[in-house]
Amino acid sequence: MAWKGQQSEPIDYISLLSVLINSKIQQTNPPLYQVISELLRRLNDNKKAVDTAIEELEVQTTTIGDTIINISGITGDATFITVNDETISLPNSVQLLAGTGINFDDSVPNKRTIIATGGTGGGSGGVLPMVNGEEPPQLLSNGVGDLVIIPYTYTP
C-alpha cells in the first residue's frame, strides 16, 4: 500500500517478542531465538534512549524559541550603531563611518574614541574657499567651474 500521509503507530519492539514466542522457533532453533530476542530487547532500549533525547531537544528548542521571541520583543524598535554593516541580523542598525579628517580609536575594549586629524598631518587644519573680498563675499573659481580652495594647518 502506498504512503498517503498516514500516521504510523509508535513502534514497540517488545510486543514482537510474543510473535517470536508463538513462532515456536525457541524449540526448533534456540540460538536463533536467543539472537532475535536480544536484538528486539536492544532495539527497544535504543528506541527509549532516542525518544528521551528527542524530548529533551524539544524542551531546549522551546526554551530557545521563547528567548528569541523575548529578545525580539525588547529590541524590535531599537536602533544600533555598528562597526560593520549588520543590517541582516540587526535590521535597525546603522554603520558608523569616519568621515574626512576623522579617525576612530578602538584600542580600549567597548570604547570608541573619535580623533579629529584635520587631514593634514601634524596639527589640525583643513581648507578654506577663496573669496573676492567684497561684501557679501563671492566664491572664486579657476575659470572652468572648480572652486579655488586654500589648505591650511593650525598647530597650537
N, C-alpha and C. Protein backbone atom coordinates (compact mmCIF):
# COMPACT_ATOMS: atom_id res chain seq x y z
N MET A 1 0.85 -1.18 0.00
CA MET A 1 0.00 0.00 0.00
C MET A 1 0.89 1.23 0.00
N ALA A 2 0.59 2.19 -0.82
CA ALA A 2 1.39 3.41 -0.94
C ALA A 2 1.18 4.31 0.27
N TRP A 3 2.22 5.06 0.59
CA TRP A 3 2.16 6.02 1.71
C TRP A 3 1.31 7.19 1.28
N LYS A 4 0.30 7.51 2.05
CA LYS A 4 -0.58 8.63 1.73
C LYS A 4 -0.72 9.54 2.93
N GLY A 5 0.42 9.83 3.60
CA GLY A 5 0.39 10.73 4.72
C GLY A 5 -0.20 10.13 5.98
N GLN A 6 -0.27 8.81 6.03
CA GLN A 6 -0.84 8.16 7.21
C GLN A 6 0.15 8.24 8.36
N GLN A 7 -0.38 8.32 9.56
CA GLN A 7 0.44 8.31 10.76
C GLN A 7 0.61 6.86 11.21
N SER A 8 1.84 6.44 11.38
CA SER A 8 2.06 5.09 11.86
C SER A 8 2.03 5.08 13.38
N GLU A 9 1.69 3.95 13.94
CA GLU A 9 1.66 3.79 15.39
C GLU A 9 3.10 3.73 15.90
N PRO A 10 3.34 4.18 17.12
CA PRO A 10 4.68 4.07 17.68
C PRO A 10 5.12 2.61 17.72
N ILE A 11 6.37 2.39 17.38
CA ILE A 11 6.89 1.03 17.33
C ILE A 11 7.23 0.57 18.75
N ASP A 12 6.73 -0.63 19.08
CA ASP A 12 7.06 -1.24 20.37
C ASP A 12 7.69 -2.59 20.05
N TYR A 13 9.02 -2.64 20.10
CA TYR A 13 9.74 -3.85 19.71
C TYR A 13 9.48 -5.01 20.67
N ILE A 14 9.21 -4.71 21.94
CA ILE A 14 8.96 -5.77 22.92
C ILE A 14 7.70 -6.56 22.56
N SER A 15 6.72 -5.89 21.95
CA SER A 15 5.49 -6.61 21.56
C SER A 15 5.79 -7.68 20.50
N LEU A 16 6.89 -7.54 19.78
CA LEU A 16 7.26 -8.55 18.78
C LEU A 16 7.76 -9.84 19.44
N LEU A 17 8.12 -9.76 20.72
CA LEU A 17 8.55 -10.97 21.41
C LEU A 17 7.44 -12.03 21.47
N SER A 18 6.21 -11.57 21.64
CA SER A 18 5.10 -12.54 21.67
C SER A 18 4.96 -13.25 20.33
N VAL A 19 5.19 -12.53 19.23
CA VAL A 19 5.16 -13.15 17.90
C VAL A 19 6.28 -14.17 17.78
N LEU A 20 7.45 -13.80 18.32
CA LEU A 20 8.59 -14.71 18.27
C LEU A 20 8.32 -15.98 19.09
N ILE A 21 7.72 -15.80 20.24
CA ILE A 21 7.41 -16.96 21.09
C ILE A 21 6.38 -17.86 20.42
N ASN A 22 5.37 -17.27 19.80
CA ASN A 22 4.33 -18.05 19.12
C ASN A 22 4.84 -18.77 17.88
N SER A 23 5.98 -18.33 17.36
CA SER A 23 6.52 -18.98 16.15
C SER A 23 7.14 -20.33 16.46
N LYS A 24 7.32 -20.64 17.73
CA LYS A 24 7.87 -21.91 18.20
C LYS A 24 9.31 -22.13 17.74
N ILE A 25 9.97 -21.03 17.35
CA ILE A 25 11.37 -21.15 16.94
C ILE A 25 12.27 -21.44 18.14
N GLN A 26 11.75 -21.15 19.33
CA GLN A 26 12.53 -21.39 20.55
C GLN A 26 12.84 -22.88 20.70
N GLN A 27 11.88 -23.75 20.31
CA GLN A 27 12.10 -25.18 20.44
C GLN A 27 12.92 -25.74 19.27
N THR A 28 12.73 -25.18 18.07
CA THR A 28 13.40 -25.75 16.90
C THR A 28 14.81 -25.19 16.69
N ASN A 29 15.04 -23.93 17.06
CA ASN A 29 16.36 -23.32 16.84
C ASN A 29 16.64 -22.32 17.98
N PRO A 30 17.02 -22.84 19.16
CA PRO A 30 17.23 -21.96 20.31
C PRO A 30 18.26 -20.84 20.10
N PRO A 31 19.40 -21.09 19.41
CA PRO A 31 20.35 -19.98 19.21
C PRO A 31 19.74 -18.83 18.39
N LEU A 32 18.98 -19.15 17.35
CA LEU A 32 18.34 -18.12 16.54
C LEU A 32 17.33 -17.35 17.37
N TYR A 33 16.55 -18.08 18.18
CA TYR A 33 15.59 -17.42 19.06
C TYR A 33 16.31 -16.45 20.00
N GLN A 34 17.42 -16.89 20.56
CA GLN A 34 18.17 -16.05 21.51
C GLN A 34 18.67 -14.78 20.82
N VAL A 35 19.19 -14.88 19.60
CA VAL A 35 19.70 -13.72 18.86
C VAL A 35 18.56 -12.74 18.55
N ILE A 36 17.47 -13.25 18.04
CA ILE A 36 16.34 -12.38 17.68
C ILE A 36 15.76 -11.72 18.93
N SER A 37 15.64 -12.48 19.98
CA SER A 37 15.11 -11.94 21.23
C SER A 37 16.00 -10.80 21.75
N GLU A 38 17.32 -11.02 21.74
CA GLU A 38 18.25 -9.99 22.23
C GLU A 38 18.22 -8.76 21.32
N LEU A 39 18.12 -8.95 20.00
CA LEU A 39 18.00 -7.81 19.07
C LEU A 39 16.77 -6.97 19.37
N LEU A 40 15.65 -7.63 19.63
CA LEU A 40 14.42 -6.90 19.93
C LEU A 40 14.54 -6.11 21.23
N ARG A 41 15.17 -6.71 22.25
CA ARG A 41 15.36 -6.01 23.52
C ARG A 41 16.26 -4.78 23.34
N ARG A 42 17.35 -4.95 22.59
CA ARG A 42 18.28 -3.82 22.39
C ARG A 42 17.64 -2.72 21.53
N LEU A 43 16.87 -3.14 20.53
CA LEU A 43 16.16 -2.14 19.71
C LEU A 43 15.22 -1.33 20.58
N ASN A 44 14.53 -1.99 21.48
CA ASN A 44 13.59 -1.30 22.36
C ASN A 44 14.34 -0.33 23.28
N ASP A 45 15.48 -0.76 23.84
CA ASP A 45 16.28 0.11 24.71
C ASP A 45 16.78 1.34 23.94
N ASN A 46 17.26 1.11 22.72
CA ASN A 46 17.75 2.23 21.89
C ASN A 46 16.62 3.19 21.54
N LYS A 47 15.44 2.64 21.26
CA LYS A 47 14.30 3.50 20.93
C LYS A 47 13.94 4.39 22.12
N LYS A 48 13.97 3.81 23.34
CA LYS A 48 13.70 4.62 24.52
C LYS A 48 14.72 5.73 24.69
N ALA A 49 16.00 5.43 24.45
CA ALA A 49 17.06 6.44 24.57
C ALA A 49 16.87 7.56 23.53
N VAL A 50 16.52 7.19 22.30
CA VAL A 50 16.29 8.19 21.25
C VAL A 50 15.07 9.04 21.58
N ASP A 51 14.00 8.41 22.05
CA ASP A 51 12.79 9.16 22.41
C ASP A 51 13.08 10.16 23.53
N THR A 52 13.87 9.74 24.53
CA THR A 52 14.23 10.64 25.62
C THR A 52 15.06 11.82 25.10
N ALA A 53 16.02 11.54 24.22
CA ALA A 53 16.86 12.61 23.66
C ALA A 53 16.02 13.59 22.85
N ILE A 54 15.06 13.09 22.08
CA ILE A 54 14.20 13.96 21.28
C ILE A 54 13.33 14.83 22.19
N GLU A 55 12.80 14.26 23.26
CA GLU A 55 12.00 15.06 24.19
C GLU A 55 12.83 16.17 24.82
N GLU A 56 14.09 15.88 25.18
CA GLU A 56 14.97 16.91 25.74
C GLU A 56 15.25 18.00 24.72
N LEU A 57 15.47 17.62 23.46
CA LEU A 57 15.69 18.62 22.41
C LEU A 57 14.47 19.49 22.20
N GLU A 58 13.28 18.90 22.27
CA GLU A 58 12.06 19.68 22.11
C GLU A 58 11.93 20.72 23.22
N VAL A 59 12.28 20.35 24.45
CA VAL A 59 12.23 21.29 25.57
C VAL A 59 13.24 22.42 25.35
N GLN A 60 14.47 22.06 24.93
CA GLN A 60 15.51 23.07 24.68
C GLN A 60 15.10 23.99 23.54
N THR A 61 14.53 23.43 22.48
CA THR A 61 14.11 24.24 21.34
C THR A 61 13.02 25.22 21.74
N THR A 62 12.09 24.77 22.55
CA THR A 62 11.03 25.65 23.03
C THR A 62 11.61 26.78 23.87
N THR A 63 12.57 26.44 24.74
CA THR A 63 13.22 27.45 25.58
C THR A 63 13.96 28.47 24.72
N ILE A 64 14.69 27.99 23.73
CA ILE A 64 15.43 28.90 22.84
C ILE A 64 14.45 29.78 22.05
N GLY A 65 13.37 29.17 21.55
CA GLY A 65 12.37 29.94 20.81
C GLY A 65 11.75 31.03 21.66
N ASP A 66 11.43 30.70 22.92
CA ASP A 66 10.86 31.71 23.83
C ASP A 66 11.84 32.84 24.08
N THR A 67 13.12 32.50 24.22
CA THR A 67 14.15 33.52 24.45
C THR A 67 14.26 34.45 23.24
N ILE A 68 14.24 33.89 22.05
CA ILE A 68 14.33 34.71 20.83
C ILE A 68 13.13 35.64 20.74
N ILE A 69 11.95 35.12 21.04
CA ILE A 69 10.75 35.97 21.00
C ILE A 69 10.87 37.10 22.01
N ASN A 70 11.37 36.81 23.21
CA ASN A 70 11.54 37.84 24.23
C ASN A 70 12.55 38.89 23.81
N ILE A 71 13.67 38.45 23.23
CA ILE A 71 14.70 39.40 22.79
C ILE A 71 14.17 40.26 21.65
N SER A 72 13.49 39.65 20.69
CA SER A 72 12.99 40.44 19.56
C SER A 72 11.90 41.39 20.02
N GLY A 73 11.17 41.04 21.07
CA GLY A 73 10.17 41.96 21.61
C GLY A 73 10.81 43.17 22.24
N ILE A 74 11.97 42.97 22.85
CA ILE A 74 12.68 44.08 23.50
C ILE A 74 13.38 44.95 22.46
N THR A 75 14.03 44.31 21.49
CA THR A 75 14.85 45.04 20.53
C THR A 75 14.14 45.35 19.23
N GLY A 76 12.86 45.03 19.12
CA GLY A 76 12.14 45.20 17.86
C GLY A 76 12.25 46.59 17.26
N ASP A 77 12.09 47.65 18.06
CA ASP A 77 12.14 49.01 17.55
C ASP A 77 13.46 49.71 17.89
N ALA A 78 14.36 49.01 18.58
CA ALA A 78 15.63 49.63 18.99
C ALA A 78 16.53 49.82 17.77
N THR A 79 17.39 50.83 17.84
CA THR A 79 18.37 51.07 16.79
C THR A 79 19.75 50.84 17.36
N PHE A 80 20.68 50.46 16.48
CA PHE A 80 22.03 50.12 16.90
C PHE A 80 23.04 50.79 15.98
N ILE A 81 24.09 51.34 16.55
CA ILE A 81 25.22 51.83 15.77
C ILE A 81 26.25 50.72 15.77
N THR A 82 26.70 50.30 14.59
CA THR A 82 27.61 49.17 14.49
C THR A 82 28.88 49.56 13.74
N VAL A 83 29.93 48.78 13.95
CA VAL A 83 31.20 48.98 13.26
C VAL A 83 31.07 48.50 11.82
N ASN A 84 30.44 47.34 11.63
CA ASN A 84 30.27 46.76 10.30
C ASN A 84 28.81 46.87 9.88
N ASP A 85 28.55 46.59 8.60
CA ASP A 85 27.16 46.57 8.12
C ASP A 85 26.51 45.30 8.64
N GLU A 86 25.63 45.41 9.61
CA GLU A 86 24.99 44.25 10.22
C GLU A 86 23.47 44.32 10.06
N THR A 87 23.02 44.89 8.94
CA THR A 87 21.58 45.05 8.73
C THR A 87 20.87 43.72 8.52
N ILE A 88 21.60 42.66 8.18
CA ILE A 88 20.95 41.35 8.01
C ILE A 88 20.48 40.83 9.37
N SER A 89 21.37 40.87 10.38
CA SER A 89 20.98 40.36 11.70
C SER A 89 20.33 41.43 12.57
N LEU A 90 20.63 42.71 12.32
CA LEU A 90 20.03 43.82 13.07
C LEU A 90 19.43 44.80 12.06
N PRO A 91 18.20 44.60 11.65
CA PRO A 91 17.61 45.43 10.59
C PRO A 91 17.61 46.92 10.90
N ASN A 92 17.56 47.30 12.18
CA ASN A 92 17.52 48.71 12.54
C ASN A 92 18.91 49.27 12.83
N SER A 93 19.97 48.59 12.38
CA SER A 93 21.31 49.06 12.67
C SER A 93 21.79 50.06 11.63
N VAL A 94 22.72 50.92 12.05
CA VAL A 94 23.33 51.92 11.19
C VAL A 94 24.83 51.79 11.37
N GLN A 95 25.55 51.66 10.26
CA GLN A 95 27.00 51.55 10.33
C GLN A 95 27.61 52.92 10.52
N LEU A 96 28.50 53.05 11.50
CA LEU A 96 29.17 54.32 11.78
C LEU A 96 30.48 54.36 11.01
N LEU A 97 30.62 55.35 10.14
CA LEU A 97 31.82 55.52 9.33
C LEU A 97 32.51 56.81 9.69
N ALA A 98 33.84 56.81 9.63
CA ALA A 98 34.61 58.02 9.90
C ALA A 98 34.69 58.84 8.62
N GLY A 99 34.39 60.12 8.73
CA GLY A 99 34.48 61.00 7.57
C GLY A 99 35.91 61.53 7.39
N THR A 100 36.07 62.46 6.47
CA THR A 100 37.36 63.05 6.19
C THR A 100 37.90 63.75 7.44
N GLY A 101 39.14 63.46 7.77
CA GLY A 101 39.77 64.09 8.92
C GLY A 101 39.34 63.51 10.26
N ILE A 102 38.68 62.36 10.25
CA ILE A 102 38.23 61.72 11.47
C ILE A 102 38.80 60.31 11.51
N ASN A 103 39.34 59.92 12.66
CA ASN A 103 39.79 58.54 12.88
C ASN A 103 39.11 58.01 14.12
N PHE A 104 38.90 56.70 14.14
CA PHE A 104 38.36 56.03 15.31
C PHE A 104 39.47 55.27 16.00
N ASP A 105 39.52 55.35 17.32
CA ASP A 105 40.46 54.57 18.11
C ASP A 105 39.65 53.57 18.92
N ASP A 106 39.76 52.27 18.56
CA ASP A 106 39.01 51.22 19.24
C ASP A 106 39.94 50.38 20.11
N SER A 107 41.06 50.93 20.57
CA SER A 107 42.03 50.15 21.33
C SER A 107 41.53 49.80 22.73
N VAL A 108 40.63 50.57 23.30
CA VAL A 108 40.07 50.26 24.61
C VAL A 108 38.79 49.44 24.38
N PRO A 109 38.71 48.23 24.99
CA PRO A 109 37.52 47.40 24.77
C PRO A 109 36.22 48.13 25.13
N ASN A 110 35.23 48.02 24.26
CA ASN A 110 33.89 48.59 24.44
C ASN A 110 33.88 50.11 24.47
N LYS A 111 34.94 50.75 24.00
CA LYS A 111 35.01 52.21 23.95
C LYS A 111 35.50 52.62 22.56
N ARG A 112 34.95 53.70 22.05
CA ARG A 112 35.41 54.26 20.78
C ARG A 112 35.76 55.71 21.02
N THR A 113 36.99 56.07 20.67
CA THR A 113 37.44 57.45 20.78
C THR A 113 37.48 58.04 19.38
N ILE A 114 36.91 59.23 19.22
CA ILE A 114 36.90 59.90 17.93
C ILE A 114 38.04 60.91 17.93
N ILE A 115 38.90 60.80 16.93
CA ILE A 115 40.06 61.67 16.83
C ILE A 115 39.92 62.51 15.56
N ALA A 116 39.93 63.84 15.73
CA ALA A 116 39.87 64.74 14.58
C ALA A 116 41.30 65.01 14.13
N THR A 117 41.66 64.51 12.94
CA THR A 117 43.03 64.69 12.44
C THR A 117 43.15 65.91 11.57
N GLY A 118 42.09 66.44 11.06
CA GLY A 118 42.14 67.60 10.19
C GLY A 118 42.65 67.26 8.80
N GLY A 119 43.12 66.08 8.60
CA GLY A 119 43.52 65.63 7.27
C GLY A 119 44.84 66.17 6.78
N THR A 120 45.63 66.92 7.59
CA THR A 120 46.86 67.48 7.06
C THR A 120 48.09 67.09 7.88
N GLY A 121 47.99 66.17 8.75
CA GLY A 121 49.19 65.70 9.44
C GLY A 121 49.32 66.25 10.84
N GLY A 122 50.43 67.00 11.12
CA GLY A 122 50.85 67.40 12.45
C GLY A 122 49.80 68.04 13.32
N GLY A 123 49.19 69.08 12.91
CA GLY A 123 48.18 69.75 13.74
C GLY A 123 46.83 69.54 13.13
N SER A 124 45.90 70.40 13.54
CA SER A 124 44.60 70.32 12.91
C SER A 124 44.58 71.34 11.79
N GLY A 125 43.72 71.14 10.85
CA GLY A 125 43.66 72.06 9.73
C GLY A 125 42.55 71.68 8.80
N GLY A 126 42.58 72.21 7.61
CA GLY A 126 41.55 71.92 6.65
C GLY A 126 41.75 72.79 5.42
N VAL A 127 40.66 73.19 4.83
CA VAL A 127 40.69 74.04 3.64
C VAL A 127 39.67 75.16 3.79
N LEU A 128 39.96 76.28 3.16
CA LEU A 128 39.04 77.41 3.13
C LEU A 128 38.78 77.78 1.68
N PRO A 129 37.55 78.14 1.35
CA PRO A 129 37.31 78.60 -0.02
C PRO A 129 37.86 80.02 -0.19
N MET A 130 38.37 80.32 -1.37
CA MET A 130 38.89 81.66 -1.66
C MET A 130 37.72 82.54 -2.10
N VAL A 131 37.66 83.74 -1.53
CA VAL A 131 36.59 84.69 -1.86
C VAL A 131 37.22 85.95 -2.44
N ASN A 132 36.39 86.82 -3.03
CA ASN A 132 36.89 88.02 -3.71
C ASN A 132 37.08 89.21 -2.78
N GLY A 133 36.65 89.16 -1.55
CA GLY A 133 36.85 90.26 -0.62
C GLY A 133 35.70 91.24 -0.57
N GLU A 134 34.71 91.11 -1.42
CA GLU A 134 33.56 92.01 -1.40
C GLU A 134 32.55 91.56 -0.35
N GLU A 135 31.60 92.41 -0.06
CA GLU A 135 30.51 92.07 0.83
C GLU A 135 29.22 92.01 0.03
N PRO A 136 28.47 91.01 0.00
CA PRO A 136 28.77 89.70 0.56
C PRO A 136 29.87 89.03 -0.25
N PRO A 137 30.67 88.15 0.39
CA PRO A 137 31.79 87.53 -0.32
C PRO A 137 31.29 86.65 -1.47
N GLN A 138 32.03 86.65 -2.54
CA GLN A 138 31.74 85.82 -3.71
C GLN A 138 32.85 84.76 -3.82
N LEU A 139 32.46 83.50 -3.98
CA LEU A 139 33.44 82.43 -4.12
C LEU A 139 34.13 82.56 -5.47
N LEU A 140 35.43 82.25 -5.48
CA LEU A 140 36.21 82.34 -6.72
C LEU A 140 36.41 80.96 -7.31
N SER A 141 36.39 80.90 -8.64
CA SER A 141 36.65 79.63 -9.32
C SER A 141 37.86 79.82 -10.22
N ASN A 142 38.39 78.71 -10.73
CA ASN A 142 39.57 78.75 -11.58
C ASN A 142 39.24 79.01 -13.04
N GLY A 143 38.04 79.33 -13.35
CA GLY A 143 37.65 79.65 -14.71
C GLY A 143 36.97 78.49 -15.42
N VAL A 144 37.11 77.29 -14.92
CA VAL A 144 36.44 76.14 -15.54
C VAL A 144 35.40 75.54 -14.60
N GLY A 145 35.06 76.28 -13.55
CA GLY A 145 33.99 75.84 -12.65
C GLY A 145 34.45 75.19 -11.36
N ASP A 146 35.77 75.01 -11.18
CA ASP A 146 36.27 74.41 -9.94
C ASP A 146 36.48 75.50 -8.90
N LEU A 147 36.02 75.25 -7.69
CA LEU A 147 36.18 76.19 -6.59
C LEU A 147 37.65 76.27 -6.20
N VAL A 148 38.16 77.49 -5.98
CA VAL A 148 39.53 77.67 -5.52
C VAL A 148 39.53 77.58 -4.01
N ILE A 149 40.33 76.61 -3.48
CA ILE A 149 40.39 76.43 -2.04
C ILE A 149 41.83 76.58 -1.57
N ILE A 150 42.00 77.01 -0.33
CA ILE A 150 43.31 77.23 0.26
C ILE A 150 43.46 76.28 1.44
N PRO A 151 44.45 75.34 1.37
CA PRO A 151 44.66 74.46 2.52
C PRO A 151 45.39 75.20 3.64
N TYR A 152 45.13 74.81 4.86
CA TYR A 152 45.83 75.42 5.98
C TYR A 152 46.06 74.38 7.06
N THR A 153 47.05 74.65 7.89
CA THR A 153 47.36 73.79 9.05
C THR A 153 47.47 74.68 10.26
N TYR A 154 46.84 74.27 11.33
CA TYR A 154 46.93 75.02 12.58
C TYR A 154 47.60 74.13 13.61
N THR A 155 48.72 74.57 14.14
CA THR A 155 49.42 73.85 15.18
C THR A 155 49.42 74.72 16.43
N PRO A 156 48.74 74.28 17.46
CA PRO A 156 48.67 75.09 18.68
C PRO A 156 49.99 75.16 19.41
